[in-house]
């Protein structure tokens, strides 16, 4: 049986994939709203990983895992910067779409690595109880973020 933590994170990944696909095929007038939804979802997801999962993974005495975590944090920073760039551009501009596709490509690669190597390593280094504790923290944080007035701008202040 898969850990609740992995279910939560994979569900977030699936939501991001769907929003990215929808955004690229949506009419221009719907793109901005979809981008806000995507930015909120991805920002919260990264925040949850950085505050709850990655600190645990960085404690693992495994060179490959430490390198993977360093790469993951760098990828999060790149995604945050691309989200900021996209937020300042017109969604109907070709430059916006090029930047979006760059971000999408990086996110898809990042998700694939997490769902494969990272989650697998978690099961080797952590007990189910530890993973369940992280899952609970993630759920609590997501619920708190869904309170009114806690959109992408508010999340950025916390990241």
C-alpha atoms as a PDB file:
ATOM      1  CA  UNK A   1       0.000   0.000   0.000  1.00  0.00           C
ATOM      2  CA  UNK A   2       1.316   3.424  -0.952  1.00  0.00           C
ATOM      3  CA  UNK A   3       2.025   5.968   1.761  1.00  0.00           C
ATOM      4  CA  UNK A   4      -0.538   8.724   2.297  1.00  0.00           C
ATOM      5  CA  UNK A   5       2.319  11.199   1.816  1.00  0.00           C
ATOM      6  CA  UNK A   6       3.043   9.942  -1.688  1.00  0.00           C
ATOM      7  CA  UNK A   7      -0.667   9.965  -2.519  1.00  0.00           C
ATOM      8  CA  UNK A   8      -0.877  13.632  -1.497  1.00  0.00           C
ATOM      9  CA  UNK A   9       2.206  14.661  -3.463  1.00  0.00           C
ATOM     10  CA  UNK A  10       1.220  12.652  -6.552  1.00  0.00           C
ATOM     11  CA  UNK A  11      -2.252  14.204  -6.442  1.00  0.00           C
ATOM     12  CA  UNK A  12      -0.625  17.654  -6.416  1.00  0.00           C
ATOM     13  CA  UNK A  13       1.567  16.639  -9.343  1.00  0.00           C
ATOM     14  CA  UNK A  14      -1.456  15.399 -11.276  1.00  0.00           C
ATOM     15  CA  UNK A  15      -3.318  18.644 -10.601  1.00  0.00           C
ATOM     16  CA  UNK A  16      -0.334  20.674 -11.834  1.00  0.00           C
ATOM     17  CA  UNK A  17      -0.010  18.542 -14.976  1.00  0.00           C
ATOM     18  CA  UNK A  18      -3.710  18.989 -15.771  1.00  0.00           C
ATOM     19  CA  UNK A  19      -3.592  22.754 -15.178  1.00  0.00           C
ATOM     20  CA  UNK A  20      -0.518  23.114 -17.402  1.00  0.00           C
ATOM     21  CA  UNK A  21      -2.171  21.168 -20.220  1.00  0.00           C
ATOM     22  CA  UNK A  22      -5.429  23.069 -19.842  1.00  0.00           C
ATOM     23  CA  UNK A  23      -3.640  26.400 -19.752  1.00  0.00           C
ATOM     24  CA  UNK A  24      -1.876  25.865 -23.057  1.00  0.00           C
ATOM     25  CA  UNK A  25      -5.086  24.947 -24.852  1.00  0.00           C
ATOM     26  CA  UNK A  26      -7.357  27.478 -23.133  1.00  0.00           C
ATOM     27  CA  UNK A  27      -8.676  30.575 -24.875  1.00  0.00           C
ATOM     28  CA  UNK A  28      -6.665  33.706 -24.086  1.00  0.00           C
ATOM     29  CA  UNK A  29      -9.337  35.118 -21.763  1.00  0.00           C
ATOM     30  CA  UNK A  30      -9.128  32.079 -19.461  1.00  0.00           C
ATOM     31  CA  UNK A  31      -5.339  31.768 -19.336  1.00  0.00           C
ATOM     32  CA  UNK A  32      -4.736  34.317 -16.599  1.00  0.00           C
ATOM     33  CA  UNK A  33      -7.147  32.648 -14.174  1.00  0.00           C
ATOM     34  CA  UNK A  34      -5.690  29.218 -14.900  1.00  0.00           C
ATOM     35  CA  UNK A  35      -2.192  30.601 -14.411  1.00  0.00           C
ATOM     36  CA  UNK A  36      -3.178  31.984 -10.994  1.00  0.00           C
ATOM     37  CA  UNK A  37      -4.604  28.574 -10.048  1.00  0.00           C
ATOM     38  CA  UNK A  38      -1.441  26.838 -11.240  1.00  0.00           C
ATOM     39  CA  UNK A  39       0.826  29.309  -9.454  1.00  0.00           C
ATOM     40  CA  UNK A  40      -1.087  28.888  -6.200  1.00  0.00           C
ATOM     41  CA  UNK A  41      -1.033  25.091  -6.439  1.00  0.00           C
ATOM     42  CA  UNK A  42       2.631  24.805  -7.391  1.00  0.00           C
ATOM     43  CA  UNK A  43       3.773  27.389  -4.837  1.00  0.00           C
ATOM     44  CA  UNK A  44       1.938  25.641  -2.008  1.00  0.00           C
ATOM     45  CA  UNK A  45       3.234  22.252  -3.127  1.00  0.00           C
ATOM     46  CA  UNK A  46       6.839  23.473  -3.170  1.00  0.00           C
ATOM     47  CA  UNK A  47       6.410  25.130   0.207  1.00  0.00           C
ATOM     48  CA  UNK A  48       5.033  21.917   1.703  1.00  0.00           C
ATOM     49  CA  UNK A  49       7.922  19.881   0.332  1.00  0.00           C
ATOM     50  CA  UNK A  50      10.528  22.395   1.471  1.00  0.00           C
ATOM     51  CA  UNK A  51       9.151  22.646   4.986  1.00  0.00           C
ATOM     52  CA  UNK A  52       8.104  19.061   5.644  1.00  0.00           C
ATOM     53  CA  UNK A  53       9.743  16.524   3.344  1.00  0.00           C
ATOM     54  CA  UNK A  54      13.055  17.911   2.129  1.00  0.00           C
ATOM     55  CA  UNK A  55      14.516  18.637   5.595  1.00  0.00           C
ATOM     56  CA  UNK A  56      14.002  14.956   6.465  1.00  0.00           C
ATOM     57  CA  UNK A  57      15.562  13.835   3.188  1.00  0.00           C
ATOM     58  CA  UNK A  58      18.576  16.093   3.652  1.00  0.00           C
ATOM     59  CA  UNK A  59      19.403  14.248   6.875  1.00  0.00           C
ATOM     60  CA  UNK A  60      19.855  10.963   5.006  1.00  0.00           C
ATOM     61  CA  UNK A  61      23.481   9.887   4.885  1.00  0.00           C
ATOM     62  CA  UNK A  62      23.444   9.119   1.172  1.00  0.00           C
ATOM     63  CA  UNK A  63      25.460  11.139  -1.359  1.00  0.00           C
ATOM     64  CA  UNK A  64      23.011  10.543  -4.190  1.00  0.00           C
ATOM     65  CA  UNK A  65      20.042  11.663  -2.072  1.00  0.00           C
ATOM     66  CA  UNK A  66      21.868  14.807  -0.947  1.00  0.00           C
ATOM     67  CA  UNK A  67      22.663  15.622  -4.585  1.00  0.00           C
ATOM     68  CA  UNK A  68      19.045  14.939  -5.554  1.00  0.00           C
ATOM     69  CA  UNK A  69      17.795  17.263  -2.795  1.00  0.00           C
ATOM     70  CA  UNK A  70      20.238  19.985  -3.835  1.00  0.00           C
ATOM     71  CA  UNK A  71      18.937  19.681  -7.407  1.00  0.00           C
ATOM     72  CA  UNK A  72      15.312  19.669  -6.208  1.00  0.00           C
ATOM     73  CA  UNK A  73      15.778  22.872  -4.211  1.00  0.00           C
ATOM     74  CA  UNK A  74      17.508  24.512  -7.182  1.00  0.00           C
ATOM     75  CA  UNK A  75      14.610  23.444  -9.415  1.00  0.00           C
ATOM     76  CA  UNK A  76      12.138  24.932  -6.928  1.00  0.00           C
ATOM     77  CA  UNK A  77      14.010  28.245  -7.021  1.00  0.00           C
ATOM     78  CA  UNK A  78      14.013  28.192 -10.828  1.00  0.00           C
ATOM     79  CA  UNK A  79      10.278  27.496 -10.863  1.00  0.00           C
ATOM     80  CA  UNK A  80       9.596  30.342  -8.422  1.00  0.00           C
ATOM     81  CA  UNK A  81      11.598  32.715 -10.590  1.00  0.00           C
ATOM     82  CA  UNK A  82       9.795  31.585 -13.753  1.00  0.00           C
ATOM     83  CA  UNK A  83       6.426  32.036 -12.004  1.00  0.00           C
ATOM     84  CA  UNK A  84       7.449  35.601 -11.103  1.00  0.00           C
ATOM     85  CA  UNK A  85       8.523  36.263 -14.700  1.00  0.00           C
ATOM     86  CA  UNK A  86       5.293  34.851 -16.069  1.00  0.00           C
ATOM     87  CA  UNK A  87       3.247  36.910 -13.636  1.00  0.00           C
ATOM     88  CA  UNK A  88       4.797  40.089 -15.081  1.00  0.00           C
ATOM     89  CA  UNK A  89       4.104  39.153 -18.722  1.00  0.00           C
ATOM     90  CA  UNK A  90       0.948  39.212 -20.810  1.00  0.00           C
ATOM     91  CA  UNK A  91      -0.445  35.678 -21.172  1.00  0.00           C
ATOM     92  CA  UNK A  92      -1.155  36.390 -24.838  1.00  0.00           C
ATOM     93  CA  UNK A  93       2.478  37.235 -25.580  1.00  0.00           C
ATOM     94  CA  UNK A  94       4.670  34.656 -27.363  1.00  0.00           C
ATOM     95  CA  UNK A  95       7.412  35.287 -24.781  1.00  0.00           C
ATOM     96  CA  UNK A  96       4.947  34.262 -22.053  1.00  0.00           C
ATOM     97  CA  UNK A  97       4.274  30.936 -23.772  1.00  0.00           C
ATOM     98  CA  UNK A  98       7.983  30.263 -24.313  1.00  0.00           C
ATOM     99  CA  UNK A  99       8.720  30.938 -20.646  1.00  0.00           C
ATOM    100  CA  UNK A 100       5.727  28.836 -19.612  1.00  0.00           C
ATOM    101  CA  UNK A 101       6.892  25.883 -21.719  1.00  0.00           C
ATOM    102  CA  UNK A 102      10.354  26.142 -20.147  1.00  0.00           C
ATOM    103  CA  UNK A 103       8.784  26.061 -16.681  1.00  0.00           C
ATOM    104  CA  UNK A 104       6.491  23.185 -17.687  1.00  0.00           C
ATOM    105  CA  UNK A 105       9.397  21.129 -18.981  1.00  0.00           C
ATOM    106  CA  UNK A 106      11.343  21.634 -15.744  1.00  0.00           C
ATOM    107  CA  UNK A 107       8.342  20.833 -13.564  1.00  0.00           C
ATOM    108  CA  UNK A 108       7.520  17.646 -15.447  1.00  0.00           C
ATOM    109  CA  UNK A 109      11.108  16.421 -15.103  1.00  0.00           C
ATOM    110  CA  UNK A 110      11.139  17.356 -11.409  1.00  0.00           C
ATOM    111  CA  UNK A 111       7.890  15.472 -10.757  1.00  0.00           C
ATOM    112  CA  UNK A 112       9.130  12.393 -12.590  1.00  0.00           C
ATOM    113  CA  UNK A 113      12.286  12.267 -10.458  1.00  0.00           C
ATOM    114  CA  UNK A 114      10.326  12.740  -7.243  1.00  0.00           C
ATOM    115  CA  UNK A 115       7.744  10.104  -8.086  1.00  0.00           C
ATOM    116  CA  UNK A 116      10.465   7.658  -9.009  1.00  0.00           C
ATOM    117  CA  UNK A 117      13.788   7.903  -7.232  1.00  0.00           C
ATOM    118  CA  UNK A 118      12.861  10.184  -4.325  1.00  0.00           C
ATOM    119  CA  UNK A 119       9.709   8.388  -3.198  1.00  0.00           C
ATOM    120  CA  UNK A 120      11.446   5.028  -3.542  1.00  0.00           C
ATOM    121  CA  UNK A 121      14.337   6.206  -1.372  1.00  0.00           C
ATOM    122  CA  UNK A 122      11.884   7.471   1.220  1.00  0.00           C
ATOM    123  CA  UNK A 123      10.542   3.974   1.690  1.00  0.00           C
ATOM    124  CA  UNK A 124      14.080   2.684   2.271  1.00  0.00           C
ATOM    125  CA  UNK A 125      15.068   5.297   4.837  1.00  0.00           C
ATOM    126  CA  UNK A 126      11.824   6.086   6.677  1.00  0.00           C
ATOM    127  CA  UNK A 127       9.280   4.022   8.528  1.00  0.00           C
ATOM    128  CA  UNK A 128       5.591   4.273   7.619  1.00  0.00           C
ATOM    129  CA  UNK A 129       4.961   6.147  10.866  1.00  0.00           C
ATOM    130  CA  UNK A 130       7.446   8.875   9.893  1.00  0.00           C
ATOM    131  CA  UNK A 131       5.915   9.213   6.440  1.00  0.00           C
ATOM    132  CA  UNK A 132       2.445   9.412   8.002  1.00  0.00           C
ATOM    133  CA  UNK A 133       3.618  12.210  10.313  1.00  0.00           C
ATOM    134  CA  UNK A 134       4.936  14.165   7.323  1.00  0.00           C
ATOM    135  CA  UNK A 135       1.647  13.523   5.499  1.00  0.00           C
ATOM    136  CA  UNK A 136      -0.320  14.938   8.425  1.00  0.00           C
ATOM    137  CA  UNK A 137       1.805  18.090   8.433  1.00  0.00           C
ATOM    138  CA  UNK A 138       1.241  18.457   4.684  1.00  0.00           C
ATOM    139  CA  UNK A 139      -2.529  18.063   5.075  1.00  0.00           C
ATOM    140  CA  UNK A 140      -2.632  20.600   7.908  1.00  0.00           C
ATOM    141  CA  UNK A 141      -0.577  23.081   5.914  1.00  0.00           C
ATOM    142  CA  UNK A 142      -2.769  22.678   2.828  1.00  0.00           C
ATOM    143  CA  UNK A 143      -5.921  23.216   4.897  1.00  0.00           C
ATOM    144  CA  UNK A 144      -4.454  26.344   6.493  1.00  0.00           C
ATOM    145  CA  UNK A 145      -3.502  27.685   3.062  1.00  0.00           C
ATOM    146  CA  UNK A 146      -7.068  27.259   1.824  1.00  0.00           C
ATOM    147  CA  UNK A 147      -8.264  29.888   4.266  1.00  0.00           C
ATOM    148  CA  UNK A 148      -9.561  33.043   2.523  1.00  0.00           C
ATOM    149  CA  UNK A 149      -6.886  35.513   1.450  1.00  0.00           C
ATOM    150  CA  UNK A 150      -4.093  32.935   1.307  1.00  0.00           C
ATOM    151  CA  UNK A 151      -3.316  32.957  -2.439  1.00  0.00           C
ATOM    152  CA  UNK A 152       0.014  32.939  -4.268  1.00  0.00           C
ATOM    153  CA  UNK A 153       1.082  36.379  -3.033  1.00  0.00           C
ATOM    154  CA  UNK A 154       0.627  35.332   0.597  1.00  0.00           C
ATOM    155  CA  UNK A 155       2.460  32.064   0.012  1.00  0.00           C
ATOM    156  CA  UNK A 156       5.389  33.891  -1.578  1.00  0.00           C
ATOM    157  CA  UNK A 157       5.853  35.848   1.643  1.00  0.00           C
ATOM    158  CA  UNK A 158       6.264  32.579   3.542  1.00  0.00           C
ATOM    159  CA  UNK A 159       8.595  30.852   1.071  1.00  0.00           C
END
